[in-house]
Amino acid sequence: MDKEILLTYIDKVHTTDLGKLRINKNLKLDTDDVVDYLKNKILDKNCNIYKQGKNWYCEIDNIKITINSYSYTIITAHTIKNEKEINYGF
């Protein structure tokens, strides 16, 4: 399965300094180790992992993580809006 590739190379997953700031802001976190936080989310057995184009997407606990499939760089992570928020702009 495709997701096994990401899980096999989980140690390569990283982000940039700006990525850390963006993720902390998007998820309203206050941690210096966002990569470790997100790796734990990715490794959770309930995480839905799929590849689309050049990116991996990992969805768990109302969070969507985007990872470049070539460099294993976490591009962003954000909360997933529910249908009501999408349709009505809440």
PDB file of N, CA and C in Angstrom:
ATOM      1  N   MET A   1       0.835  -1.185   0.000  1.00  0.00           N
ATOM      2  CA  MET A   1       0.000   0.000   0.000  1.00  0.00           C
ATOM      3  C   MET A   1       0.882   1.252   0.000  1.00  0.00           C
ATOM      4  N   ASP A   2       0.410   2.307  -0.645  1.00  0.00           N
ATOM      5  CA  ASP A   2       1.172   3.555  -0.732  1.00  0.00           C
ATOM      6  C   ASP A   2       1.543   4.119   0.629  1.00  0.00           C
ATOM      7  N   LYS A   3       0.609   4.059   1.575  1.00  0.00           N
ATOM      8  CA  LYS A   3       0.868   4.696   2.865  1.00  0.00           C
ATOM      9  C   LYS A   3       2.041   4.053   3.600  1.00  0.00           C
ATOM     10  N   GLU A   4       2.326   2.799   3.292  1.00  0.00           N
ATOM     11  CA  GLU A   4       3.456   2.109   3.919  1.00  0.00           C
ATOM     12  C   GLU A   4       4.782   2.784   3.562  1.00  0.00           C
ATOM     13  N   ILE A   5       4.851   3.388   2.391  1.00  0.00           N
ATOM     14  CA  ILE A   5       6.070   4.096   1.987  1.00  0.00           C
ATOM     15  C   ILE A   5       6.323   5.268   2.938  1.00  0.00           C
ATOM     16  N   LEU A   6       5.288   6.068   3.187  1.00  0.00           N
ATOM     17  CA  LEU A   6       5.441   7.200   4.101  1.00  0.00           C
ATOM     18  C   LEU A   6       5.807   6.709   5.504  1.00  0.00           C
ATOM     19  N   LEU A   7       5.140   5.685   5.963  1.00  0.00           N
ATOM     20  CA  LEU A   7       5.410   5.173   7.310  1.00  0.00           C
ATOM     21  C   LEU A   7       6.819   4.603   7.421  1.00  0.00           C
ATOM     22  N   THR A   8       7.309   3.982   6.357  1.00  0.00           N
ATOM     23  CA  THR A   8       8.672   3.446   6.350  1.00  0.00           C
ATOM     24  C   THR A   8       9.711   4.547   6.478  1.00  0.00           C
ATOM     25  N   TYR A   9       9.433   5.687   5.858  1.00  0.00           N
ATOM     26  CA  TYR A   9      10.383   6.796   5.853  1.00  0.00           C
ATOM     27  C   TYR A   9       9.981   7.927   6.797  1.00  0.00           C
ATOM     28  N   ILE A  10       9.246   7.612   7.842  1.00  0.00           N
ATOM     29  CA  ILE A  10       8.761   8.629   8.786  1.00  0.00           C
ATOM     30  C   ILE A  10       9.904   9.431   9.403  1.00  0.00           C
ATOM     31  N   ASP A  11      11.078   8.829   9.541  1.00  0.00           N
ATOM     32  CA  ASP A  11      12.226   9.540  10.111  1.00  0.00           C
ATOM     33  C   ASP A  11      12.721  10.674   9.213  1.00  0.00           C
ATOM     34  N   LYS A  12      12.374  10.628   7.932  1.00  0.00           N
ATOM     35  CA  LYS A  12      12.782  11.695   7.013  1.00  0.00           C
ATOM     36  C   LYS A  12      11.845  12.900   7.057  1.00  0.00           C
ATOM     37  N   VAL A  13      10.680  12.754   7.671  1.00  0.00           N
ATOM     38  CA  VAL A  13       9.695  13.834   7.718  1.00  0.00           C
ATOM     39  C   VAL A  13      10.247  14.993   8.540  1.00  0.00           C
ATOM     40  N   HIS A  14      10.161  16.194   7.968  1.00  0.00           N
ATOM     41  CA  HIS A  14      10.690  17.403   8.605  1.00  0.00           C
ATOM     42  C   HIS A  14       9.919  18.604   8.085  1.00  0.00           C
ATOM     43  N   THR A  15      10.234  19.774   8.596  1.00  0.00           N
ATOM     44  CA  THR A  15       9.671  21.009   8.062  1.00  0.00           C
ATOM     45  C   THR A  15      10.693  22.126   8.206  1.00  0.00           C
ATOM     46  N   THR A  16      10.365  23.267   7.665  1.00  0.00           N
ATOM     47  CA  THR A  16      11.248  24.436   7.747  1.00  0.00           C
ATOM     48  C   THR A  16      10.888  25.252   8.985  1.00  0.00           C
ATOM     49  N   ASP A  17      11.710  26.235   9.291  1.00  0.00           N
ATOM     50  CA  ASP A  17      11.403  27.131  10.412  1.00  0.00           C
ATOM     51  C   ASP A  17      10.084  27.879  10.173  1.00  0.00           C
ATOM     52  N   LEU A  18       9.886  28.344   8.936  1.00  0.00           N
ATOM     53  CA  LEU A  18       8.627  29.017   8.615  1.00  0.00           C
ATOM     54  C   LEU A  18       7.452  28.045   8.684  1.00  0.00           C
ATOM     55  N   GLY A  19       7.701  26.803   8.296  1.00  0.00           N
ATOM     56  CA  GLY A  19       6.671  25.774   8.389  1.00  0.00           C
ATOM     57  C   GLY A  19       6.245  25.547   9.828  1.00  0.00           C
ATOM     58  N   LYS A  20       7.202  25.533  10.739  1.00  0.00           N
ATOM     59  CA  LYS A  20       6.886  25.363  12.161  1.00  0.00           C
ATOM     60  C   LYS A  20       5.990  26.484  12.654  1.00  0.00           C
ATOM     61  N   LEU A  21       6.312  27.708  12.273  1.00  0.00           N
ATOM     62  CA  LEU A  21       5.496  28.857  12.680  1.00  0.00           C
ATOM     63  C   LEU A  21       4.081  28.758  12.111  1.00  0.00           C
ATOM     64  N   ARG A  22       4.007  28.408  10.830  1.00  0.00           N
ATOM     65  CA  ARG A  22       2.713  28.307  10.151  1.00  0.00           C
ATOM     66  C   ARG A  22       1.842  27.218  10.785  1.00  0.00           C
ATOM     67  N   ILE A  23       2.443  26.071  11.078  1.00  0.00           N
ATOM     68  CA  ILE A  23       1.699  24.956  11.666  1.00  0.00           C
ATOM     69  C   ILE A  23       1.235  25.296  13.074  1.00  0.00           C
ATOM     70  N   ASN A  24       2.125  25.885  13.882  1.00  0.00           N
ATOM     71  CA  ASN A  24       1.733  26.304  15.232  1.00  0.00           C
ATOM     72  C   ASN A  24       0.540  27.260  15.174  1.00  0.00           C
ATOM     73  N   LYS A  25       0.581  28.192  14.233  1.00  0.00           N
ATOM     74  CA  LYS A  25      -0.510  29.165  14.094  1.00  0.00           C
ATOM     75  C   LYS A  25      -1.788  28.480  13.621  1.00  0.00           C
ATOM     76  N   ASN A  26      -1.680  27.664  12.577  1.00  0.00           N
ATOM     77  CA  ASN A  26      -2.863  27.015  12.001  1.00  0.00           C
ATOM     78  C   ASN A  26      -3.564  26.084  12.983  1.00  0.00           C
ATOM     79  N   LEU A  27      -2.780  25.351  13.779  1.00  0.00           N
ATOM     80  CA  LEU A  27      -3.361  24.376  14.699  1.00  0.00           C
ATOM     81  C   LEU A  27      -3.515  24.920  16.115  1.00  0.00           C
ATOM     82  N   LYS A  28      -3.109  26.183  16.290  1.00  0.00           N
ATOM     83  CA  LYS A  28      -3.169  26.819  17.613  1.00  0.00           C
ATOM     84  C   LYS A  28      -2.393  25.998  18.653  1.00  0.00           C
ATOM     85  N   LEU A  29      -1.189  25.610  18.264  1.00  0.00           N
ATOM     86  CA  LEU A  29      -0.294  24.849  19.145  1.00  0.00           C
ATOM     87  C   LEU A  29       0.689  25.799  19.804  1.00  0.00           C
ATOM     88  N   ASP A  30       1.305  25.330  20.846  1.00  0.00           N
ATOM     89  CA  ASP A  30       2.381  26.070  21.495  1.00  0.00           C
ATOM     90  C   ASP A  30       3.479  25.082  21.835  1.00  0.00           C
ATOM     91  N   THR A  31       4.152  24.602  20.791  1.00  0.00           N
ATOM     92  CA  THR A  31       5.202  23.623  20.989  1.00  0.00           C
ATOM     93  C   THR A  31       6.380  23.943  20.073  1.00  0.00           C
ATOM     94  N   ASP A  32       7.559  23.633  20.537  1.00  0.00           N
ATOM     95  CA  ASP A  32       8.752  23.809  19.709  1.00  0.00           C
ATOM     96  C   ASP A  32       8.964  22.618  18.784  1.00  0.00           C
ATOM     97  N   ASP A  33       8.309  21.505  19.088  1.00  0.00           N
ATOM     98  CA  ASP A  33       8.534  20.292  18.305  1.00  0.00           C
ATOM     99  C   ASP A  33       7.280  19.876  17.543  1.00  0.00           C
ATOM    100  N   VAL A  34       6.876  20.718  16.587  1.00  0.00           N
ATOM    101  CA  VAL A  34       5.691  20.409  15.794  1.00  0.00           C
ATOM    102  C   VAL A  34       5.888  19.168  14.947  1.00  0.00           C
ATOM    103  N   VAL A  35       7.115  18.905  14.521  1.00  0.00           N
ATOM    104  CA  VAL A  35       7.383  17.724  13.699  1.00  0.00           C
ATOM    105  C   VAL A  35       7.082  16.457  14.493  1.00  0.00           C
ATOM    106  N   ASP A  36       7.554  16.391  15.720  1.00  0.00           N
ATOM    107  CA  ASP A  36       7.293  15.226  16.559  1.00  0.00           C
ATOM    108  C   ASP A  36       5.794  15.085  16.821  1.00  0.00           C
ATOM    109  N   TYR A  37       5.134  16.201  17.086  1.00  0.00           N
ATOM    110  CA  TYR A  37       3.684  16.203  17.306  1.00  0.00           C
ATOM    111  C   TYR A  37       2.959  15.611  16.093  1.00  0.00           C
ATOM    112  N   LEU A  38       3.326  16.069  14.897  1.00  0.00           N
ATOM    113  CA  LEU A  38       2.662  15.603  13.684  1.00  0.00           C
ATOM    114  C   LEU A  38       3.050  14.165  13.328  1.00  0.00           C
ATOM    115  N   LYS A  39       4.287  13.789  13.587  1.00  0.00           N
ATOM    116  CA  LYS A  39       4.694  12.397  13.344  1.00  0.00           C
ATOM    117  C   LYS A  39       3.851  11.446  14.183  1.00  0.00           C
ATOM    118  N   ASN A  40       3.597  11.803  15.432  1.00  0.00           N
ATOM    119  CA  ASN A  40       2.752  10.969  16.291  1.00  0.00           C
ATOM    120  C   ASN A  40       1.339  10.859  15.734  1.00  0.00           C
ATOM    121  N   LYS A  41       0.820  11.941  15.176  1.00  0.00           N
ATOM    122  CA  LYS A  41      -0.497  11.911  14.536  1.00  0.00           C
ATOM    123  C   LYS A  41      -0.481  10.971  13.330  1.00  0.00           C
ATOM    124  N   ILE A  42       0.576  11.084  12.507  1.00  0.00           N
ATOM    125  CA  ILE A  42       0.696  10.261  11.300  1.00  0.00           C
ATOM    126  C   ILE A  42       0.793   8.784  11.660  1.00  0.00           C
ATOM    127  N   LEU A  43       1.505   8.470  12.722  1.00  0.00           N
ATOM    128  CA  LEU A  43       1.708   7.078  13.122  1.00  0.00           C
ATOM    129  C   LEU A  43       0.490   6.457  13.816  1.00  0.00           C
ATOM    130  N   ASP A  44      -0.477   7.277  14.193  1.00  0.00           N
ATOM    131  CA  ASP A  44      -1.687   6.770  14.830  1.00  0.00           C
ATOM    132  C   ASP A  44      -2.426   5.837  13.864  1.00  0.00           C
ATOM    133  N   LYS A  45      -2.886   4.707  14.369  1.00  0.00           N
ATOM    134  CA  LYS A  45      -3.540   3.708  13.508  1.00  0.00           C
ATOM    135  C   LYS A  45      -4.823   4.241  12.860  1.00  0.00           C
ATOM    136  N   ASN A  46      -5.397   5.293  13.406  1.00  0.00           N
ATOM    137  CA  ASN A  46      -6.625   5.865  12.858  1.00  0.00           C
ATOM    138  C   ASN A  46      -6.377   6.941  11.806  1.00  0.00           C
ATOM    139  N   CYS A  47      -5.112   7.227  11.530  1.00  0.00           N
ATOM    140  CA  CYS A  47      -4.778   8.261  10.557  1.00  0.00           C
ATOM    141  C   CYS A  47      -5.078   7.769   9.134  1.00  0.00           C
ATOM    142  N   ASN A  48      -5.814   8.570   8.380  1.00  0.00           N
ATOM    143  CA  ASN A  48      -6.117   8.269   6.983  1.00  0.00           C
ATOM    144  C   ASN A  48      -5.014   8.888   6.125  1.00  0.00           C
ATOM    145  N   ILE A  49      -4.180   8.042   5.528  1.00  0.00           N
ATOM    146  CA  ILE A  49      -3.036   8.497   4.737  1.00  0.00           C
ATOM    147  C   ILE A  49      -3.284   8.144   3.276  1.00  0.00           C
ATOM    148  N   TYR A  50      -3.112   9.142   2.406  1.00  0.00           N
ATOM    149  CA  TYR A  50      -3.259   8.882   0.980  1.00  0.00           C
ATOM    150  C   TYR A  50      -2.348   9.825   0.205  1.00  0.00           C
ATOM    151  N   LYS A  51      -2.018   9.408  -1.004  1.00  0.00           N
ATOM    152  CA  LYS A  51      -1.151  10.216  -1.864  1.00  0.00           C
ATOM    153  C   LYS A  51      -1.978  10.733  -3.027  1.00  0.00           C
ATOM    154  N   GLN A  52      -1.790  12.019  -3.317  1.00  0.00           N
ATOM    155  CA  GLN A  52      -2.465  12.653  -4.437  1.00  0.00           C
ATOM    156  C   GLN A  52      -1.440  13.536  -5.132  1.00  0.00           C
ATOM    157  N   GLY A  53      -1.100  13.189  -6.354  1.00  0.00           N
ATOM    158  CA  GLY A  53      -0.079  13.948  -7.066  1.00  0.00           C
ATOM    159  C   GLY A  53       1.255  13.861  -6.358  1.00  0.00           C
ATOM    160  N   LYS A  54       1.865  15.002  -6.088  1.00  0.00           N
ATOM    161  CA  LYS A  54       3.192  15.026  -5.475  1.00  0.00           C
ATOM    162  C   LYS A  54       3.161  15.073  -3.954  1.00  0.00           C
ATOM    163  N   ASN A  55       1.986  15.025  -3.358  1.00  0.00           N
ATOM    164  CA  ASN A  55       1.878  15.161  -1.903  1.00  0.00           C
ATOM    165  C   ASN A  55       1.209  13.976  -1.226  1.00  0.00           C
ATOM    166  N   TRP A  56       1.624  13.759   0.019  1.00  0.00           N
ATOM    167  CA  TRP A  56       0.922  12.870   0.927  1.00  0.00           C
ATOM    168  C   TRP A  56      -0.047  13.730   1.719  1.00  0.00           C
ATOM    169  N   TYR A  57      -1.195  13.167   2.043  1.00  0.00           N
ATOM    170  CA  TYR A  57      -2.165  13.828   2.911  1.00  0.00           C
ATOM    171  C   TYR A  57      -2.484  12.876   4.052  1.00  0.00           C
ATOM    172  N   CYS A  58      -2.472  13.403   5.250  1.00  0.00           N
ATOM    173  CA  CYS A  58      -2.741  12.615   6.445  1.00  0.00           C
ATOM    174  C   CYS A  58      -3.850  13.326   7.212  1.00  0.00           C
ATOM    175  N   GLU A  59      -4.934  12.609   7.464  1.00  0.00           N
ATOM    176  CA  GLU A  59      -6.074  13.200   8.147  1.00  0.00           C
ATOM    177  C   GLU A  59      -6.387  12.423   9.420  1.00  0.00           C
ATOM    178  N   ILE A  60      -6.426  13.153  10.522  1.00  0.00           N
ATOM    179  CA  ILE A  60      -6.749  12.566  11.816  1.00  0.00           C
ATOM    180  C   ILE A  60      -7.146  13.672  12.786  1.00  0.00           C
ATOM    181  N   ASP A  61      -8.084  13.362  13.665  1.00  0.00           N
ATOM    182  CA  ASP A  61      -8.493  14.307  14.713  1.00  0.00           C
ATOM    183  C   ASP A  61      -8.819  15.689  14.163  1.00  0.00           C
ATOM    184  N   ASN A  62      -9.500  15.726  13.020  1.00  0.00           N
ATOM    185  CA  ASN A  62      -9.901  16.990  12.406  1.00  0.00           C
ATOM    186  C   ASN A  62      -8.708  17.835  11.933  1.00  0.00           C
ATOM    187  N   ILE A  63      -7.578  17.166  11.681  1.00  0.00           N
ATOM    188  CA  ILE A  63      -6.368  17.825  11.187  1.00  0.00           C
ATOM    189  C   ILE A  63      -5.990  17.211   9.842  1.00  0.00           C
ATOM    190  N   LYS A  64      -5.580  18.049   8.897  1.00  0.00           N
ATOM    191  CA  LYS A  64      -5.072  17.575   7.610  1.00  0.00           C
ATOM    192  C   LYS A  64      -3.632  18.047   7.461  1.00  0.00           C
ATOM    193  N   ILE A  65      -2.739  17.087   7.280  1.00  0.00           N
ATOM    194  CA  ILE A  65      -1.304  17.348   7.157  1.00  0.00           C
ATOM    195  C   ILE A  65      -0.915  17.126   5.700  1.00  0.00           C
ATOM    196  N   THR A  66      -0.176  18.060   5.125  1.00  0.00           N
ATOM    197  CA  THR A  66       0.295  17.944   3.745  1.00  0.00           C
ATOM    198  C   THR A  66       1.810  17.793   3.750  1.00  0.00           C
ATOM    199  N   ILE A  67       2.294  16.716   3.107  1.00  0.00           N
ATOM    200  CA  ILE A  67       3.726  16.401   3.082  1.00  0.00           C
ATOM    201  C   ILE A  67       4.163  16.186   1.638  1.00  0.00           C
ATOM    202  N   ASN A  68       5.224  16.854   1.221  1.00  0.00           N
ATOM    203  CA  ASN A  68       5.789  16.640  -0.107  1.00  0.00           C
ATOM    204  C   ASN A  68       6.328  15.218  -0.181  1.00  0.00           C
ATOM    205  N   SER A  69       5.929  14.471  -1.201  1.00  0.00           N
ATOM    206  CA  SER A  69       6.296  13.052  -1.278  1.00  0.00           C
ATOM    207  C   SER A  69       7.732  12.806  -1.737  1.00  0.00           C
ATOM    208  N   TYR A  70       8.393  13.821  -2.251  1.00  0.00           N
ATOM    209  CA  TYR A  70       9.781  13.651  -2.691  1.00  0.00           C
ATOM    210  C   TYR A  70      10.777  14.028  -1.596  1.00  0.00           C
ATOM    211  N   SER A  71      10.511  15.142  -0.919  1.00  0.00           N
ATOM    212  CA  SER A  71      11.455  15.638   0.086  1.00  0.00           C
ATOM    213  C   SER A  71      11.037  15.299   1.520  1.00  0.00           C
ATOM    214  N   TYR A  72       9.809  14.792   1.693  1.00  0.00           N
ATOM    215  CA  TYR A  72       9.247  14.482   3.020  1.00  0.00           C
ATOM    216  C   TYR A  72       9.154  15.733   3.903  1.00  0.00           C
ATOM    217  N   THR A  73       8.981  16.890   3.266  1.00  0.00           N
ATOM    218  CA  THR A  73       8.813  18.148   3.991  1.00  0.00           C
ATOM    219  C   THR A  73       7.337  18.361   4.297  1.00  0.00           C
ATOM    220  N   ILE A  74       7.034  18.628   5.563  1.00  0.00           N
ATOM    221  CA  ILE A  74       5.662  18.986   5.923  1.00  0.00           C
ATOM    222  C   ILE A  74       5.435  20.400   5.402  1.00  0.00           C
ATOM    223  N   ILE A  75       4.526  20.523   4.475  1.00  0.00           N
ATOM    224  CA  ILE A  75       4.238  21.816   3.874  1.00  0.00           C
ATOM    225  C   ILE A  75       3.331  22.624   4.789  1.00  0.00           C
ATOM    226  N   THR A  76       2.270  21.987   5.255  1.00  0.00           N
ATOM    227  CA  THR A  76       1.342  22.656   6.152  1.00  0.00           C
ATOM    228  C   THR A  76       0.503  21.632   6.890  1.00  0.00           C
ATOM    229  N   ALA A  77      -0.193  22.106   7.877  1.00  0.00           N
ATOM    230  CA  ALA A  77      -1.195  21.322   8.596  1.00  0.00           C
ATOM    231  C   ALA A  77      -2.256  22.307   9.048  1.00  0.00           C
ATOM    232  N   HIS A  78      -3.494  21.909   8.916  1.00  0.00           N
ATOM    233  CA  HIS A  78      -4.584  22.793   9.315  1.00  0.00           C
ATOM    234  C   HIS A  78      -5.783  21.969   9.759  1.00  0.00           C
ATOM    235  N   THR A  79      -6.712  22.631  10.428  1.00  0.00           N
ATOM    236  CA  THR A  79      -7.922  21.934  10.845  1.00  0.00           C
ATOM    237  C   THR A  79      -8.835  21.773   9.638  1.00  0.00           C
ATOM    238  N   ILE A  80      -9.548  20.681   9.635  1.00  0.00           N
ATOM    239  CA  ILE A  80     -10.491  20.394   8.556  1.00  0.00           C
ATOM    240  C   ILE A  80     -11.826  21.029   8.927  1.00  0.00           C
ATOM    241  N   LYS A  81     -12.321  21.863   8.044  1.00  0.00           N
ATOM    242  CA  LYS A  81     -13.606  22.512   8.293  1.00  0.00           C
ATOM    243  C   LYS A  81     -14.729  21.520   8.010  1.00  0.00           C
ATOM    244  N   ASN A  82     -15.760  21.586   8.842  1.00  0.00           N
ATOM    245  CA  ASN A  82     -16.902  20.706   8.597  1.00  0.00           C
ATOM    246  C   ASN A  82     -17.803  21.302   7.518  1.00  0.00           C
ATOM    247  N   GLU A  83     -18.767  20.529   7.042  1.00  0.00           N
ATOM    248  CA  GLU A  83     -19.635  20.953   5.939  1.00  0.00           C
ATOM    249  C   GLU A  83     -20.346  22.271   6.245  1.00  0.00           C
ATOM    250  N   LYS A  84     -20.807  22.470   7.475  1.00  0.00           N
ATOM    251  CA  LYS A  84     -21.522  23.688   7.825  1.00  0.00           C
ATOM    252  C   LYS A  84     -20.617  24.912   7.676  1.00  0.00           C
ATOM    253  N   GLU A  85     -19.356  24.784   8.119  1.00  0.00           N
ATOM    254  CA  GLU A  85     -18.413  25.894   8.002  1.00  0.00           C
ATOM    255  C   GLU A  85     -18.112  26.200   6.544  1.00  0.00           C
ATOM    256  N   ILE A  86     -18.005  25.172   5.721  1.00  0.00           N
ATOM    257  CA  ILE A  86     -17.697  25.354   4.311  1.00  0.00           C
ATOM    258  C   ILE A  86     -18.869  26.028   3.589  1.00  0.00           C
ATOM    259  N   ASN A  87     -20.077  25.531   3.840  1.00  0.00           N
ATOM    260  CA  ASN A  87     -21.251  26.031   3.133  1.00  0.00           C
ATOM    261  C   ASN A  87     -21.694  27.410   3.580  1.00  0.00           C
ATOM    262  N   TYR A  88     -21.515  27.725   4.847  1.00  0.00           N
ATOM    263  CA  TYR A  88     -22.038  28.989   5.375  1.00  0.00           C
ATOM    264  C   TYR A  88     -20.948  29.960   5.825  1.00  0.00           C
ATOM    265  N   GLY A  89     -19.694  29.577   5.704  1.00  0.00           N
ATOM    266  CA  GLY A  89     -18.603  30.477   6.044  1.00  0.00           C
ATOM    267  C   GLY A  89     -18.406  30.731   7.513  1.00  0.00           C
ATOM    268  N   PHE A  90     -18.809  29.790   8.378  1.00  0.00           N
ATOM    269  CA  PHE A  90     -18.641  29.960   9.832  1.00  0.00           C
ATOM    270  C   PHE A  90     -17.204  29.747  10.229  1.00  0.00           C
TER     271      PHE A  90
END
